Protein backbone atom coordinates (compact mmCIF):
# COMPACT_ATOMS: atom_id res chain seq x y z
CA MET A 1 0.44 -18.14 24.93
CA ARG A 2 1.95 -14.89 26.17
CA SER A 3 0.56 -11.44 25.41
CA ILE A 4 3.14 -8.63 25.22
CA ASP A 5 1.75 -5.12 25.60
CA GLY A 6 -1.66 -6.49 24.64
CA HIS A 7 -0.97 -6.43 20.89
CA PHE A 8 1.90 -8.86 20.38
CA THR A 9 1.06 -12.45 21.30
CA ILE A 10 3.52 -15.35 21.26
CA ILE A 11 2.05 -18.83 20.95
CA ASN A 12 4.15 -21.89 21.77
CA GLU A 13 2.19 -24.27 19.57
CA PRO A 14 4.16 -24.76 16.32
CA GLY A 15 2.19 -25.87 13.29
CA THR A 16 -0.94 -23.92 14.21
CA ALA A 17 -0.29 -20.77 12.17
CA ARG A 18 -2.77 -21.53 9.40
CA ALA A 19 -5.59 -22.54 11.77
CA LEU A 20 -4.91 -19.41 13.82
CA ALA A 21 -5.02 -17.22 10.69
CA GLU A 22 -8.31 -18.77 9.58
CA ASN A 23 -9.85 -18.17 13.01
CA LEU A 24 -8.65 -14.57 13.09
CA LEU A 25 -10.01 -13.85 9.62
CA ASN A 26 -13.39 -15.27 10.66
CA MET A 27 -13.43 -13.04 13.72
CA PHE A 28 -12.61 -10.02 11.57
CA GLU A 29 -15.22 -11.14 9.03
CA SER A 30 -12.62 -10.93 6.27
CA VAL A 31 -12.81 -12.87 2.99
CA ARG A 32 -9.03 -12.93 2.75
CA SER A 33 -7.23 -16.28 2.69
CA PRO A 34 -4.75 -17.20 5.47
CA GLU A 35 -1.79 -16.67 3.11
CA HIS A 36 -2.57 -12.94 3.07
CA ILE A 37 -1.81 -12.50 6.77
CA ILE A 38 0.80 -15.22 7.44
CA ILE A 39 4.46 -14.13 7.35
CA THR A 40 6.86 -16.99 6.64
CA GLN A 41 10.60 -17.34 6.19
CA THR A 42 10.00 -17.38 2.43
CA LEU A 43 8.35 -13.95 2.55
CA LEU A 44 11.27 -12.56 4.54
CA LYS A 45 13.75 -14.02 2.04
CA GLN A 46 11.86 -12.40 -0.83
CA ALA A 47 11.95 -9.05 1.00
CA ALA A 48 15.68 -9.44 1.66
CA SER A 49 16.26 -10.03 -2.05
CA ARG A 50 14.21 -6.95 -2.95
CA ALA A 51 16.18 -4.87 -0.45
CA GLN A 52 19.48 -5.98 -1.98
CA GLY A 53 18.23 -5.11 -5.45
CA ILE A 54 17.09 -1.66 -4.33
CA LEU A 55 20.43 -1.03 -2.62
CA SER A 56 22.37 -2.07 -5.73
CA ALA A 57 20.29 0.23 -7.95
CA SER A 58 20.71 3.11 -5.50
CA LEU A 59 24.49 2.66 -5.44
CA ALA A 60 24.61 2.52 -9.24
CA HIS A 61 22.77 5.86 -9.35
CA LYS A 62 25.21 7.40 -6.87
CA ILE A 63 28.18 6.11 -8.87
CA ALA A 64 26.78 7.70 -12.03
CA GLN A 65 26.34 11.02 -10.21
CA VAL A 66 29.93 10.97 -8.92
CA GLU A 67 31.29 10.07 -12.37
CA ALA A 68 29.33 12.94 -13.92
CA GLU A 69 30.85 15.33 -11.39
CA ILE A 70 34.32 13.98 -12.13
CA ALA A 71 33.80 14.45 -15.86
CA ALA A 72 32.69 18.06 -15.29
CA LEU A 73 35.98 18.97 -13.63
CA ALA A 74 38.49 20.47 -16.07
CA LEU A 75 41.69 18.45 -16.44
CA PRO A 76 45.00 20.35 -16.17
CA ASP A 77 46.69 21.26 -19.47
CA GLU A 78 49.88 19.65 -18.27
CA LYS A 79 50.50 16.98 -15.67
CA VAL A 80 53.67 16.26 -13.78
CA THR A 81 54.32 12.57 -14.37
CA HIS A 82 57.14 10.11 -13.84
CA ILE A 83 57.89 8.36 -17.11
CA LYS A 84 59.79 5.50 -15.51
CA ILE A 85 56.88 4.73 -13.18
CA GLU A 86 54.42 4.84 -16.08
CA LYS A 87 56.54 2.40 -18.12
CA ALA A 88 57.06 0.06 -15.15
CA GLN A 89 53.30 0.03 -14.51
CA VAL A 90 52.59 -0.91 -18.16
CA VAL A 91 55.09 -3.78 -17.91
CA ALA A 92 53.55 -4.95 -14.61
CA LEU A 93 50.01 -4.89 -16.05
CA ASP A 94 51.13 -6.84 -19.13
CA ALA A 95 52.92 -9.40 -16.94
CA THR A 96 49.79 -9.75 -14.78
CA THR A 97 47.61 -10.43 -17.82
CA ARG A 98 50.06 -13.03 -19.16
CA ALA A 99 50.34 -14.79 -15.80
CA GLU A 100 46.55 -14.92 -15.39
CA LYS A 101 46.06 -16.30 -18.92
CA SER A 102 48.87 -18.83 -18.68
CA SER A 103 49.75 -19.84 -15.16
CA SER A 104 53.32 -21.00 -15.70
CA SER A 105 56.34 -20.61 -13.43
CA LYS A 106 58.01 -18.57 -16.16
CA ASN A 107 55.18 -16.03 -16.35
CA TRP A 108 54.89 -15.79 -12.56
CA ARG A 109 58.65 -15.07 -12.33
CA LYS A 110 58.25 -12.31 -14.91
CA LEU A 111 55.34 -10.86 -12.95
CA ASP A 112 57.35 -10.90 -9.73
CA LYS A 113 60.23 -9.18 -11.51
CA ALA A 114 57.91 -6.54 -13.00
CA ARG A 115 56.34 -5.80 -9.61
CA LYS A 116 59.73 -5.37 -7.99
CA ALA A 117 60.81 -3.02 -10.78
CA LEU A 118 57.66 -0.92 -10.31
CA ALA A 119 58.15 -0.81 -6.53
CA LYS A 120 61.75 0.34 -7.07
CA GLN A 121 60.70 3.22 -9.34
CA LEU A 122 57.94 4.26 -6.93
CA GLU A 123 60.38 4.27 -4.01
CA ARG A 124 62.87 6.39 -5.94
CA ALA A 125 60.15 8.95 -6.66
CA GLY A 126 58.96 8.96 -3.04
CA PHE A 127 55.67 7.08 -3.43
CA ALA A 128 54.63 4.29 -1.05
CA SER A 129 52.46 2.61 -3.71
CA TYR A 130 51.10 3.04 -7.21
CA THR A 131 47.83 4.17 -5.65
CA ALA A 132 49.69 7.03 -3.96
CA TYR A 133 51.23 7.93 -7.32
CA ALA A 134 47.81 7.83 -9.02
CA ASP A 135 46.45 10.11 -6.29
CA PHE A 136 49.34 12.51 -6.96
CA ILE A 137 48.44 12.61 -10.66
CA ASN A 138 44.71 13.02 -10.12
CA ALA A 139 45.14 15.82 -7.59
CA GLN A 140 46.97 18.11 -10.00
CA GLY A 141 45.45 21.22 -11.54
CA VAL A 142 42.47 23.38 -10.59
CA GLY A 143 39.90 21.18 -8.89
CA GLY A 144 42.47 18.45 -8.42
CA ALA A 145 41.75 18.00 -4.73
CA ARG A 146 38.03 17.65 -5.45
CA ARG A 147 38.73 15.21 -8.29
CA LEU A 148 40.79 13.03 -5.96
CA GLU A 149 38.04 13.13 -3.34
CA LEU A 150 35.45 12.09 -5.92
CA LEU A 151 37.61 9.28 -7.28
CA ILE A 152 38.03 7.85 -3.81
CA ARG A 153 34.29 8.14 -3.21
CA ARG A 154 33.55 6.41 -6.54
CA ASP A 155 35.84 3.50 -5.62
CA GLU A 156 34.10 3.18 -2.25
CA LEU A 157 30.66 3.10 -3.89
CA ILE A 158 31.80 0.53 -6.45
CA ALA A 159 33.08 -1.68 -3.63
CA GLU A 160 29.77 -1.30 -1.75
CA LYS A 161 27.81 -2.19 -4.90
CA LYS A 162 29.93 -5.30 -5.43
CA VAL A 163 29.26 -6.43 -1.86
CA ALA A 164 25.52 -5.79 -2.28
CA GLU A 165 25.41 -7.87 -5.47
CA THR A 166 27.54 -10.76 -4.23
CA GLN A 167 26.32 -10.97 -0.64
CA GLU A 168 24.64 -14.24 0.25
CA LYS A 169 20.91 -13.83 -0.26
CA SER A 170 19.77 -15.52 2.93
CA LEU A 171 18.19 -14.51 6.21
CA VAL A 172 21.26 -15.70 8.11
CA SER A 173 23.36 -12.97 6.45
CA LEU A 174 21.10 -10.12 7.60
CA THR A 175 22.42 -7.63 10.15
CA PRO A 176 20.26 -6.00 12.85
CA SER A 177 19.97 -2.83 10.74
CA GLN A 178 19.07 -4.77 7.58
CA ILE A 179 16.26 -6.67 9.28
CA ILE A 180 14.53 -3.34 9.91
CA THR A 181 14.38 -2.68 6.17
CA VAL A 182 13.18 -6.21 5.43
CA LEU A 183 10.43 -6.13 8.04
CA ALA A 184 9.33 -2.65 6.94
CA ASP A 185 8.93 -3.99 3.41
CA VAL A 186 6.93 -7.02 4.56
CA LEU A 187 4.70 -5.02 6.90
CA SER A 188 4.01 -2.40 4.22
CA ARG A 189 2.46 -5.17 2.15
CA ALA A 190 0.17 -6.36 4.94
CA PRO A 191 -3.53 -6.18 3.97
CA HIS A 192 -5.79 -3.38 5.21
CA THR A 193 -9.54 -3.07 5.41
CA ALA A 194 -11.85 -0.09 5.76
CA MET A 195 -11.65 -0.65 9.52
CA GLY A 196 -7.84 -0.72 9.52
CA PRO A 197 -5.08 -3.33 9.10
CA LEU A 198 -5.80 -7.01 9.56
CA PRO A 199 -3.86 -8.96 12.19
CA ILE A 200 -0.57 -10.65 11.27
CA VAL A 201 0.41 -14.24 12.01
CA ILE A 202 4.15 -14.93 11.93
CA ASP A 203 4.94 -18.59 11.33
CA ASP A 204 8.32 -18.91 13.09
CA ALA A 205 9.86 -16.70 10.38
CA LEU A 206 12.77 -15.45 12.50
CA ARG A 207 14.01 -18.87 13.65
CA HIS A 208 17.26 -18.97 11.66
CA LEU A 209 18.37 -15.38 12.22
CA GLU A 210 21.51 -14.62 14.20
CA VAL A 211 20.70 -13.90 17.86
CA SER A 212 21.24 -10.11 17.86
CA THR A 213 19.35 -9.77 14.58
CA LYS A 214 16.50 -11.92 15.88
CA LEU A 215 16.19 -9.81 19.04
CA ARG A 216 16.19 -6.60 16.99
CA ALA A 217 13.49 -8.03 14.74
CA LEU A 218 11.35 -8.89 17.76
CA GLU A 219 11.63 -5.32 19.05
CA VAL A 220 10.63 -3.99 15.62
CA LEU A 221 7.60 -6.28 15.53
CA LYS A 222 6.68 -5.28 19.06
CA ALA A 223 6.77 -1.59 18.08
CA HIS A 224 4.64 -2.22 14.99
CA ALA A 225 2.13 -4.33 16.90
CA THR A 226 0.29 -1.16 17.92
CA GLN A 227 -0.79 -0.94 14.26
CA TYR A 228 -0.83 -4.62 13.33
CA ALA A 229 -2.11 -7.02 16.00
CA THR A 230 0.64 -9.60 15.80
CA TRP A 231 0.60 -13.31 16.62
CA TYR A 232 3.91 -15.20 16.61
CA VAL A 233 3.75 -19.00 16.43
CA THR A 234 7.00 -20.72 17.46
CA ASP A 235 8.79 -23.15 19.71
CA ASP A 236 12.10 -21.27 19.36
CA PRO A 237 13.59 -21.23 22.90
CA LEU A 238 15.10 -17.76 22.46
CA ILE A 239 11.82 -16.18 21.35
CA LEU A 240 9.85 -17.99 24.03
CA SER A 241 12.32 -16.77 26.66
CA TRP A 242 12.08 -13.22 25.25
CA GLY A 243 8.31 -13.49 25.47
CA GLY A 244 8.38 -14.43 29.14
CA PHE A 245 7.88 -18.17 28.96
CA LYS A 246 9.57 -20.21 31.68
CA GLN A 247 11.23 -23.40 30.50
CA ASP A 248 9.60 -25.63 33.11
CA SER A 249 6.13 -24.32 32.29
CA LEU A 250 6.15 -24.89 28.54
CA VAL A 251 4.95 -28.51 28.63
CA SER A 252 2.09 -27.87 31.02
CA GLU A 253 0.93 -24.81 29.06
CA ARG A 254 0.87 -26.78 25.83
CA GLU A 255 -1.22 -29.47 27.52
CA HIS A 256 -3.77 -27.15 29.08
CA GLU A 257 -3.99 -24.15 26.72
CA SER A 258 -5.24 -23.84 23.18
CA ALA A 259 -3.65 -20.96 21.27
CA ILE A 260 -6.40 -21.20 18.68
CA TYR A 261 -9.52 -21.13 20.81
CA ASP A 262 -8.38 -18.92 23.69
CA MET A 263 -7.92 -15.92 21.43
CA ASP A 264 -11.14 -14.14 22.39
CA VAL A 265 -9.83 -13.23 25.80
CA ASP A 266 -6.56 -11.91 24.42
CA ILE A 267 -8.16 -9.86 21.66
CA ALA A 268 -10.70 -8.41 24.04
CA SER A 269 -7.90 -7.21 26.32
């Protein structure tokens, strides 16, 4: 085992997390079961899923706020529009719908023709794209600049919400910043007693994280170990190296040390 800052202990004896948790609970005279203080990959996955749900709900709220502000802005009595562009856009949208419903060479040729016609009208009017034309329309009138700004912001939020809802719900997909949120959620649920928080046993929960995310998670756990005495059970080479284990000493330490029954010395320190 290796003690980091006296509160964060790494144990290179995989498969001993439950026995370690039971021994710790006995020492703390707690009636809790080991499951209450063991953090597994499953718990982290559940926290990641909760974080994604919270983010999606938060973005939905922001979108509603932006849309309410857009609706409050008075529209201009008259807008300067380009009729030929409007007609070409309607034709292009209709051709797109037909091509998507019936994927035939005839419909795809019509769609290509409609897109070229729209691009021609946009070029004649001096617009690089239909988006640029739509921005021109939305920016007209009193408050037009603000309306355009809000519309762009709404589109950005909608895109963020889509990513949040479709992102792979796995630990591998977490970024270094996201792991902070996930760990904060898990640690906030750790059990407390009248004497303070119980220790935490992590059962190799970070093993499958990307390297930079794993290292960030270890630093977060190290910082929180001043509040939660933390024991990390693993044989992950990266974590063992981070904890100060030397590769050539791992076998001999496993043969001569017991992570379960040498805890008294570490806790006392």
